[in-house]
Amino acid sequence: MGKIILTGDRPTGKLHLGHYVGSLRRRVELQNSGEFEKIFIMIADAQALTDNADNPEKVRQNILEVALDYLSCGLDPAQSTLFIQSQVPELCELAFYYMNLVTVARLQRNPTVKAEIQLRGFAEGNEEEGSQRQGIPVGFFTYPISQASDITAFKATTVPVGEDQEPMIEQTREIVHKFNSVYGETLVMPEILLPDNAACLRLPGTDGKAKMSKSLGNCIYLSDSADEVKKKVMGMYTDPDHLRVEDPGKVEG
């Protein structure tokens, strides 16, 4: 069997330059490398509902936006299979069976899950009456298991992700090992493919102070018009000591 890639994005908003340098550009390179027999690019709308169940229209509208961003970057449907997660119901079925192979304690130890819970302001433990913080939705808590079903259903050998997703792939590998040890050699053990340059890890936002993120409002979107891009770039922080070309500048900030 040849090498197979599975990767994708949650359609919770339009994609921006951070997505481009972090993953999209690499996907196009991998697509055009000729090294892979199959490439699956998933728009993870079902996974997006795990923390957007109260706003399904947001997810629905952004499916098309993400698809357009994919095409604009050079992902080619003739070379890569682009698909919508919810249109493959067997993925949910497989995740249901995998849930029997993972303990609650193991999910609680997953560093990525813990970081995402904190980022979204979910309350851990029991929900207190009158609390302003929402409890952790079960679907969100178990999304590493959903990811495992996505990866294994397509027999992916290679999963390109950022370093922050490394614990998620490790969780998938544990599920594969447990499944195969109980039921025989059935599932393919995936390998992680990490970014190979520092720019992929954290592209600063237009405010220069944080990672480019739609929630922080510091993004340049791939779908922005030329005028919008110019306005955002002209509003970015400029070194106050670098007034002339010959002046020494400071790259900090």
C-alpha atoms as a PDB file:
ATOM      1  CA  MET A   1       0.000   0.000   0.000  1.00  0.00           C
ATOM      2  CA  GLY A   2       1.258   3.474  -0.874  1.00  0.00           C
ATOM      3  CA  LYS A   3       1.452   6.452   1.462  1.00  0.00           C
ATOM      4  CA  ILE A   4      -1.834   8.210   2.281  1.00  0.00           C
ATOM      5  CA  ILE A   5      -2.399  11.655   3.822  1.00  0.00           C
ATOM      6  CA  LEU A   6      -5.385  12.744   5.917  1.00  0.00           C
ATOM      7  CA  THR A   7      -5.623  16.338   7.127  1.00  0.00           C
ATOM      8  CA  GLY A   8      -8.150  19.173   7.276  1.00  0.00           C
ATOM      9  CA  ASP A   9      -9.683  22.131   9.095  1.00  0.00           C
ATOM     10  CA  ARG A  10     -12.728  22.964  11.188  1.00  0.00           C
ATOM     11  CA  PRO A  11     -15.007  25.406   9.288  1.00  0.00           C
ATOM     12  CA  THR A  12     -15.450  27.935  12.083  1.00  0.00           C
ATOM     13  CA  GLY A  13     -14.276  30.895   9.995  1.00  0.00           C
ATOM     14  CA  LYS A  14     -12.441  31.942   6.869  1.00  0.00           C
ATOM     15  CA  LEU A  15      -8.801  30.857   6.615  1.00  0.00           C
ATOM     16  CA  HIS A  16      -6.005  33.414   7.043  1.00  0.00           C
ATOM     17  CA  LEU A  17      -2.270  33.797   6.416  1.00  0.00           C
ATOM     18  CA  GLY A  18      -1.494  31.888   9.613  1.00  0.00           C
ATOM     19  CA  HIS A  19      -3.266  28.875   8.141  1.00  0.00           C
ATOM     20  CA  TYR A  20      -1.394  29.380   4.865  1.00  0.00           C
ATOM     21  CA  VAL A  21       2.134  29.374   6.312  1.00  0.00           C
ATOM     22  CA  GLY A  22       1.202  26.843   8.993  1.00  0.00           C
ATOM     23  CA  SER A  23      -0.397  24.150   6.870  1.00  0.00           C
ATOM     24  CA  LEU A  24      -1.925  25.080   3.505  1.00  0.00           C
ATOM     25  CA  ARG A  25       1.316  25.819   1.665  1.00  0.00           C
ATOM     26  CA  ARG A  26       2.790  22.532   2.916  1.00  0.00           C
ATOM     27  CA  ARG A  27      -0.295  20.611   1.813  1.00  0.00           C
ATOM     28  CA  VAL A  28       0.058  21.920  -1.720  1.00  0.00           C
ATOM     29  CA  GLU A  29       3.745  20.947  -1.727  1.00  0.00           C
ATOM     30  CA  LEU A  30       2.902  17.440  -0.503  1.00  0.00           C
ATOM     31  CA  GLN A  31       0.104  17.177  -3.072  1.00  0.00           C
ATOM     32  CA  ASN A  32       2.477  18.075  -5.896  1.00  0.00           C
ATOM     33  CA  SER A  33       5.403  15.968  -4.619  1.00  0.00           C
ATOM     34  CA  GLY A  34       4.176  12.736  -6.166  1.00  0.00           C
ATOM     35  CA  GLU A  35       5.112  10.840  -2.970  1.00  0.00           C
ATOM     36  CA  PHE A  36       1.567  10.014  -1.923  1.00  0.00           C
ATOM     37  CA  GLU A  37      -0.880   7.600  -3.457  1.00  0.00           C
ATOM     38  CA  LYS A  38      -3.904   9.406  -2.000  1.00  0.00           C
ATOM     39  CA  ILE A  39      -4.498  12.721  -0.237  1.00  0.00           C
ATOM     40  CA  PHE A  40      -7.687  13.385   1.727  1.00  0.00           C
ATOM     41  CA  ILE A  41      -8.481  16.951   2.839  1.00  0.00           C
ATOM     42  CA  MET A  42     -11.405  17.070   5.260  1.00  0.00           C
ATOM     43  CA  ILE A  43     -13.678  19.992   6.127  1.00  0.00           C
ATOM     44  CA  ALA A  44     -14.446  18.918   9.694  1.00  0.00           C
ATOM     45  CA  ASP A  45     -17.936  20.357  10.132  1.00  0.00           C
ATOM     46  CA  ALA A  46     -19.121  17.689  12.594  1.00  0.00           C
ATOM     47  CA  GLN A  47     -16.092  18.361  14.778  1.00  0.00           C
ATOM     48  CA  ALA A  48     -16.761  22.104  14.568  1.00  0.00           C
ATOM     49  CA  LEU A  49     -20.176  21.515  16.156  1.00  0.00           C
ATOM     50  CA  THR A  50     -18.565  20.187  19.344  1.00  0.00           C
ATOM     51  CA  ASP A  51     -18.178  23.776  20.553  1.00  0.00           C
ATOM     52  CA  ASN A  52     -20.582  25.516  18.138  1.00  0.00           C
ATOM     53  CA  ALA A  53     -23.753  23.469  18.623  1.00  0.00           C
ATOM     54  CA  ASP A  54     -25.705  26.644  19.409  1.00  0.00           C
ATOM     55  CA  ASN A  55     -24.721  28.196  16.072  1.00  0.00           C
ATOM     56  CA  PRO A  56     -24.838  25.541  13.326  1.00  0.00           C
ATOM     57  CA  GLU A  57     -25.424  28.190  10.656  1.00  0.00           C
ATOM     58  CA  LYS A  58     -21.934  29.595  11.353  1.00  0.00           C
ATOM     59  CA  VAL A  59     -20.459  26.180  10.603  1.00  0.00           C
ATOM     60  CA  ARG A  60     -22.668  25.623   7.551  1.00  0.00           C
ATOM     61  CA  GLN A  61     -21.762  28.976   5.971  1.00  0.00           C
ATOM     62  CA  ASN A  62     -18.039  28.512   6.520  1.00  0.00           C
ATOM     63  CA  ILE A  63     -17.904  25.136   4.760  1.00  0.00           C
ATOM     64  CA  LEU A  64     -18.019  26.919   1.414  1.00  0.00           C
ATOM     65  CA  GLU A  65     -15.580  29.621   2.589  1.00  0.00           C
ATOM     66  CA  VAL A  66     -12.994  27.010   3.601  1.00  0.00           C
ATOM     67  CA  ALA A  67     -13.493  25.092   0.353  1.00  0.00           C
ATOM     68  CA  LEU A  68     -12.895  28.271  -1.674  1.00  0.00           C
ATOM     69  CA  ASP A  69      -9.775  29.055   0.369  1.00  0.00           C
ATOM     70  CA  TYR A  70      -8.480  25.534  -0.328  1.00  0.00           C
ATOM     71  CA  LEU A  71      -8.942  25.959  -4.078  1.00  0.00           C
ATOM     72  CA  SER A  72      -7.391  29.428  -4.089  1.00  0.00           C
ATOM     73  CA  CYS A  73      -4.233  28.064  -2.433  1.00  0.00           C
ATOM     74  CA  GLY A  74      -3.734  25.403  -5.078  1.00  0.00           C
ATOM     75  CA  LEU A  75      -5.327  22.298  -3.594  1.00  0.00           C
ATOM     76  CA  ASP A  76      -6.472  20.488  -6.729  1.00  0.00           C
ATOM     77  CA  PRO A  77      -9.545  18.190  -6.683  1.00  0.00           C
ATOM     78  CA  ALA A  78      -7.913  16.244  -9.512  1.00  0.00           C
ATOM     79  CA  GLN A  79      -5.045  15.335  -7.161  1.00  0.00           C
ATOM     80  CA  SER A  80      -6.579  15.567  -3.672  1.00  0.00           C
ATOM     81  CA  THR A  81      -9.960  14.401  -2.401  1.00  0.00           C
ATOM     82  CA  LEU A  82     -11.744  17.273  -0.669  1.00  0.00           C
ATOM     83  CA  PHE A  83     -14.719  16.147   1.405  1.00  0.00           C
ATOM     84  CA  ILE A  84     -17.129  17.227   4.160  1.00  0.00           C
ATOM     85  CA  GLN A  85     -16.878  15.175   7.349  1.00  0.00           C
ATOM     86  CA  SER A  86     -20.630  14.982   8.049  1.00  0.00           C
ATOM     87  CA  GLN A  87     -21.228  13.459   4.613  1.00  0.00           C
ATOM     88  CA  VAL A  88     -19.407  10.303   5.722  1.00  0.00           C
ATOM     89  CA  PRO A  89     -21.647   9.006   8.568  1.00  0.00           C
ATOM     90  CA  GLU A  90     -19.459   5.923   9.053  1.00  0.00           C
ATOM     91  CA  LEU A  91     -16.906   8.187  10.755  1.00  0.00           C
ATOM     92  CA  CYS A  92     -19.306   8.785  13.663  1.00  0.00           C
ATOM     93  CA  GLU A  93     -20.067   5.064  13.838  1.00  0.00           C
ATOM     94  CA  LEU A  94     -16.379   4.195  14.057  1.00  0.00           C
ATOM     95  CA  ALA A  95     -15.796   6.852  16.744  1.00  0.00           C
ATOM     96  CA  PHE A  96     -18.586   5.265  18.817  1.00  0.00           C
ATOM     97  CA  TYR A  97     -16.780   1.918  18.851  1.00  0.00           C
ATOM     98  CA  TYR A  98     -13.409   3.545  19.606  1.00  0.00           C
ATOM     99  CA  MET A  99     -14.910   5.169  22.719  1.00  0.00           C
ATOM    100  CA  ASN A 100     -14.856   1.748  24.351  1.00  0.00           C
ATOM    101  CA  LEU A 101     -11.068   1.637  24.010  1.00  0.00           C
ATOM    102  CA  VAL A 102     -10.286   4.954  25.752  1.00  0.00           C
ATOM    103  CA  THR A 103     -10.693   5.890  29.412  1.00  0.00           C
ATOM    104  CA  VAL A 104     -11.924   9.224  30.753  1.00  0.00           C
ATOM    105  CA  ALA A 105      -8.657   9.586  32.670  1.00  0.00           C
ATOM    106  CA  ARG A 106      -6.647   9.231  29.445  1.00  0.00           C
ATOM    107  CA  LEU A 107      -8.650  11.978  27.720  1.00  0.00           C
ATOM    108  CA  GLN A 108      -8.226  14.227  30.756  1.00  0.00           C
ATOM    109  CA  ARG A 109      -4.442  13.841  30.504  1.00  0.00           C
ATOM    110  CA  ASN A 110      -4.330  14.870  26.829  1.00  0.00           C
ATOM    111  CA  PRO A 111      -2.392  18.197  26.821  1.00  0.00           C
ATOM    112  CA  THR A 112      -4.126  19.467  23.673  1.00  0.00           C
ATOM    113  CA  VAL A 113      -7.571  18.803  25.117  1.00  0.00           C
ATOM    114  CA  LYS A 114      -6.627  20.582  28.365  1.00  0.00           C
ATOM    115  CA  ALA A 115      -5.288  23.586  26.455  1.00  0.00           C
ATOM    116  CA  GLU A 116      -8.381  23.797  24.234  1.00  0.00           C
ATOM    117  CA  ILE A 117     -10.701  23.566  27.267  1.00  0.00           C
ATOM    118  CA  GLN A 118      -8.886  26.486  28.877  1.00  0.00           C
ATOM    119  CA  LEU A 119      -8.837  28.484  25.621  1.00  0.00           C
ATOM    120  CA  ARG A 120     -12.610  28.169  25.209  1.00  0.00           C
ATOM    121  CA  GLY A 121     -13.384  28.917  28.837  1.00  0.00           C
ATOM    122  CA  PHE A 122     -15.157  25.642  29.552  1.00  0.00           C
ATOM    123  CA  ALA A 123     -15.625  24.862  33.242  1.00  0.00           C
ATOM    124  CA  GLU A 124     -13.927  21.649  34.331  1.00  0.00           C
ATOM    125  CA  GLY A 125     -15.596  19.266  36.760  1.00  0.00           C
ATOM    126  CA  ASN A 126     -19.224  19.660  37.793  1.00  0.00           C
ATOM    127  CA  GLU A 127     -21.186  22.654  36.570  1.00  0.00           C
ATOM    128  CA  GLU A 128     -22.121  24.995  39.386  1.00  0.00           C
ATOM    129  CA  GLU A 129     -25.538  26.570  39.487  1.00  0.00           C
ATOM    130  CA  GLY A 130     -25.393  30.151  38.249  1.00  0.00           C
ATOM    131  CA  SER A 131     -21.895  29.709  36.818  1.00  0.00           C
ATOM    132  CA  GLN A 132     -21.100  31.915  33.816  1.00  0.00           C
ATOM    133  CA  ARG A 133     -18.814  29.209  32.405  1.00  0.00           C
ATOM    134  CA  GLN A 134     -20.231  26.463  30.267  1.00  0.00           C
ATOM    135  CA  GLY A 135     -19.390  22.886  31.194  1.00  0.00           C
ATOM    136  CA  ILE A 136     -17.326  20.779  28.815  1.00  0.00           C
ATOM    137  CA  PRO A 137     -19.565  19.299  26.084  1.00  0.00           C
ATOM    138  CA  VAL A 138     -19.064  15.533  25.862  1.00  0.00           C
ATOM    139  CA  GLY A 139     -18.601  15.808  22.098  1.00  0.00           C
ATOM    140  CA  PHE A 140     -15.774  18.294  22.571  1.00  0.00           C
ATOM    141  CA  PHE A 141     -14.158  16.223  25.302  1.00  0.00           C
ATOM    142  CA  THR A 142     -14.078  13.153  23.053  1.00  0.00           C
ATOM    143  CA  TYR A 143     -12.973  14.828  19.824  1.00  0.00           C
ATOM    144  CA  PRO A 144      -9.544  13.098  19.927  1.00  0.00           C
ATOM    145  CA  ILE A 145     -11.488   9.858  19.432  1.00  0.00           C
ATOM    146  CA  SER A 146     -13.343  11.403  16.507  1.00  0.00           C
ATOM    147  CA  GLN A 147     -10.006  12.419  14.997  1.00  0.00           C
ATOM    148  CA  ALA A 148      -8.783   8.852  15.373  1.00  0.00           C
ATOM    149  CA  SER A 149     -11.757   7.578  13.402  1.00  0.00           C
ATOM    150  CA  ASP A 150     -11.106  10.126  10.629  1.00  0.00           C
ATOM    151  CA  ILE A 151      -7.459   9.114  10.344  1.00  0.00           C
ATOM    152  CA  THR A 152      -7.945   5.359  10.505  1.00  0.00           C
ATOM    153  CA  ALA A 153     -11.041   5.182   8.294  1.00  0.00           C
ATOM    154  CA  PHE A 154      -8.982   6.444   5.364  1.00  0.00           C
ATOM    155  CA  LYS A 155      -5.991   4.247   6.291  1.00  0.00           C
ATOM    156  CA  ALA A 156      -3.814   7.354   6.553  1.00  0.00           C
ATOM    157  CA  THR A 157      -0.111   6.652   6.901  1.00  0.00           C
ATOM    158  CA  THR A 158       0.825  10.314   7.297  1.00  0.00           C
ATOM    159  CA  VAL A 159      -0.877  13.144   9.210  1.00  0.00           C
ATOM    160  CA  PRO A 160       0.634  16.643   8.716  1.00  0.00           C
ATOM    161  CA  VAL A 161      -0.104  18.767  11.805  1.00  0.00           C
ATOM    162  CA  GLY A 162       1.443  21.432  14.020  1.00  0.00           C
ATOM    163  CA  GLU A 163       3.336  20.566  17.207  1.00  0.00           C
ATOM    164  CA  ASP A 164       0.296  21.452  19.319  1.00  0.00           C
ATOM    165  CA  GLN A 165      -1.559  18.520  17.742  1.00  0.00           C
ATOM    166  CA  GLU A 166       1.139  15.953  18.505  1.00  0.00           C
ATOM    167  CA  PRO A 167      -0.731  14.588  21.583  1.00  0.00           C
ATOM    168  CA  MET A 168      -3.796  14.026  19.377  1.00  0.00           C
ATOM    169  CA  ILE A 169      -1.879  11.809  16.965  1.00  0.00           C
ATOM    170  CA  GLU A 170      -0.361   9.948  19.902  1.00  0.00           C
ATOM    171  CA  GLN A 171      -3.910   9.279  21.137  1.00  0.00           C
ATOM    172  CA  THR A 172      -4.796   7.874  17.699  1.00  0.00           C
ATOM    173  CA  ARG A 173      -1.726   5.645  17.751  1.00  0.00           C
ATOM    174  CA  GLU A 174      -2.762   4.286  21.160  1.00  0.00           C
ATOM    175  CA  ILE A 175      -6.243   3.477  19.837  1.00  0.00           C
ATOM    176  CA  VAL A 176      -4.749   1.725  16.800  1.00  0.00           C
ATOM    177  CA  HIS A 177      -2.428  -0.326  19.011  1.00  0.00           C
ATOM    178  CA  LYS A 178      -5.254  -1.295  21.387  1.00  0.00           C
ATOM    179  CA  PHE A 179      -7.634  -2.183  18.535  1.00  0.00           C
ATOM    180  CA  ASN A 180      -5.063  -4.271  16.703  1.00  0.00           C
ATOM    181  CA  SER A 181      -3.964  -6.091  19.867  1.00  0.00           C
ATOM    182  CA  VAL A 182      -7.568  -7.081  20.646  1.00  0.00           C
ATOM    183  CA  TYR A 183      -9.027  -7.692  17.176  1.00  0.00           C
ATOM    184  CA  GLY A 184      -5.994  -8.494  15.044  1.00  0.00           C
ATOM    185  CA  GLU A 185      -3.920  -6.392  12.655  1.00  0.00           C
ATOM    186  CA  THR A 186      -6.629  -4.274  11.057  1.00  0.00           C
ATOM    187  CA  LEU A 187      -5.837  -0.575  11.403  1.00  0.00           C
ATOM    188  CA  VAL A 188      -2.908   1.317   9.868  1.00  0.00           C
ATOM    189  CA  MET A 189      -0.538   2.977  12.356  1.00  0.00           C
ATOM    190  CA  PRO A 190      -0.235   6.668  11.290  1.00  0.00           C
ATOM    191  CA  GLU A 191       2.931   8.759  11.483  1.00  0.00           C
ATOM    192  CA  ILE A 192       2.968  12.456  12.332  1.00  0.00           C
ATOM    193  CA  LEU A 193       4.521  14.953   9.886  1.00  0.00           C
ATOM    194  CA  LEU A 194       5.577  18.132  11.703  1.00  0.00           C
ATOM    195  CA  PRO A 195       6.331  21.558  10.136  1.00  0.00           C
ATOM    196  CA  ASP A 196       9.932  22.039   9.074  1.00  0.00           C
ATOM    197  CA  ASN A 197      10.354  25.778   9.638  1.00  0.00           C
ATOM    198  CA  ALA A 198       9.805  28.202  12.508  1.00  0.00           C
ATOM    199  CA  ALA A 199       7.351  30.434  10.610  1.00  0.00           C
ATOM    200  CA  CYS A 200       4.893  27.539  10.566  1.00  0.00           C
ATOM    201  CA  LEU A 201       4.789  27.404  14.347  1.00  0.00           C
ATOM    202  CA  ARG A 202       3.540  30.893  15.172  1.00  0.00           C
ATOM    203  CA  LEU A 203       2.861  33.614  12.612  1.00  0.00           C
ATOM    204  CA  PRO A 204       2.372  36.909  14.494  1.00  0.00           C
ATOM    205  CA  GLY A 205      -0.918  38.730  14.032  1.00  0.00           C
ATOM    206  CA  THR A 206      -1.263  42.223  12.593  1.00  0.00           C
ATOM    207  CA  ASP A 207      -0.993  43.554  16.166  1.00  0.00           C
ATOM    208  CA  GLY A 208       2.493  42.015  16.415  1.00  0.00           C
ATOM    209  CA  LYS A 209       1.780  40.694  19.885  1.00  0.00           C
ATOM    210  CA  ALA A 210       0.173  37.292  19.433  1.00  0.00           C
ATOM    211  CA  LYS A 211      -0.417  34.430  17.077  1.00  0.00           C
ATOM    212  CA  MET A 212      -2.663  35.333  14.146  1.00  0.00           C
ATOM    213  CA  SER A 213      -6.146  34.262  15.232  1.00  0.00           C
ATOM    214  CA  LYS A 214      -9.659  35.100  14.105  1.00  0.00           C
ATOM    215  CA  SER A 215     -10.795  35.271  17.735  1.00  0.00           C
ATOM    216  CA  LEU A 216      -8.197  38.004  18.385  1.00  0.00           C
ATOM    217  CA  GLY A 217      -9.195  39.983  15.296  1.00  0.00           C
ATOM    218  CA  ASN A 218      -5.591  40.264  14.086  1.00  0.00           C
ATOM    219  CA  CYS A 219      -5.801  38.313  10.831  1.00  0.00           C
ATOM    220  CA  ILE A 220      -5.222  38.899   7.151  1.00  0.00           C
ATOM    221  CA  TYR A 221      -7.692  36.548   5.498  1.00  0.00           C
ATOM    222  CA  LEU A 222      -6.965  34.757   2.237  1.00  0.00           C
ATOM    223  CA  SER A 223     -10.258  36.126   0.907  1.00  0.00           C
ATOM    224  CA  ASP A 224      -9.498  39.767   1.831  1.00  0.00           C
ATOM    225  CA  SER A 225      -9.554  42.218  -1.075  1.00  0.00           C
ATOM    226  CA  ALA A 226      -6.417  44.104  -2.094  1.00  0.00           C
ATOM    227  CA  ASP A 227      -7.770  47.221  -0.378  1.00  0.00           C
ATOM    228  CA  GLU A 228      -8.468  45.321   2.844  1.00  0.00           C
ATOM    229  CA  VAL A 229      -4.979  43.821   2.856  1.00  0.00           C
ATOM    230  CA  LYS A 230      -3.400  47.245   2.267  1.00  0.00           C
ATOM    231  CA  LYS A 231      -5.427  48.807   5.098  1.00  0.00           C
ATOM    232  CA  LYS A 232      -4.410  46.068   7.540  1.00  0.00           C
ATOM    233  CA  VAL A 233      -0.734  46.149   6.547  1.00  0.00           C
ATOM    234  CA  MET A 234      -0.544  49.948   6.762  1.00  0.00           C
ATOM    235  CA  GLY A 235      -2.014  49.761  10.255  1.00  0.00           C
ATOM    236  CA  MET A 236       0.629  47.328  11.534  1.00  0.00           C
ATOM    237  CA  TYR A 237       3.282  48.343  14.067  1.00  0.00           C
ATOM    238  CA  THR A 238       6.357  50.006  12.546  1.00  0.00           C
ATOM    239  CA  ASP A 239       9.784  50.415  14.167  1.00  0.00           C
ATOM    240  CA  PRO A 240       9.816  54.067  15.399  1.00  0.00           C
ATOM    241  CA  ASP A 241      13.644  54.186  15.165  1.00  0.00           C
ATOM    242  CA  HIS A 242      13.753  53.096  11.518  1.00  0.00           C
ATOM    243  CA  LEU A 243      12.717  56.347   9.839  1.00  0.00           C
ATOM    244  CA  ARG A 244      15.191  56.147   6.938  1.00  0.00           C
ATOM    245  CA  VAL A 245      16.557  53.193   4.974  1.00  0.00           C
ATOM    246  CA  GLU A 246      20.058  53.686   6.394  1.00  0.00           C
ATOM    247  CA  ASP A 247      18.851  53.767  10.029  1.00  0.00           C
ATOM    248  CA  PRO A 248      19.542  50.625  12.096  1.00  0.00           C
ATOM    249  CA  GLY A 249      16.243  48.921  12.955  1.00  0.00           C
ATOM    250  CA  LYS A 250      15.001  46.642  15.687  1.00  0.00           C
ATOM    251  CA  VAL A 251      13.140  43.499  14.671  1.00  0.00           C
ATOM    252  CA  GLU A 252      11.680  42.984  18.163  1.00  0.00           C
ATOM    253  CA  GLY A 253       7.919  43.626  18.098  1.00  0.00           C
END
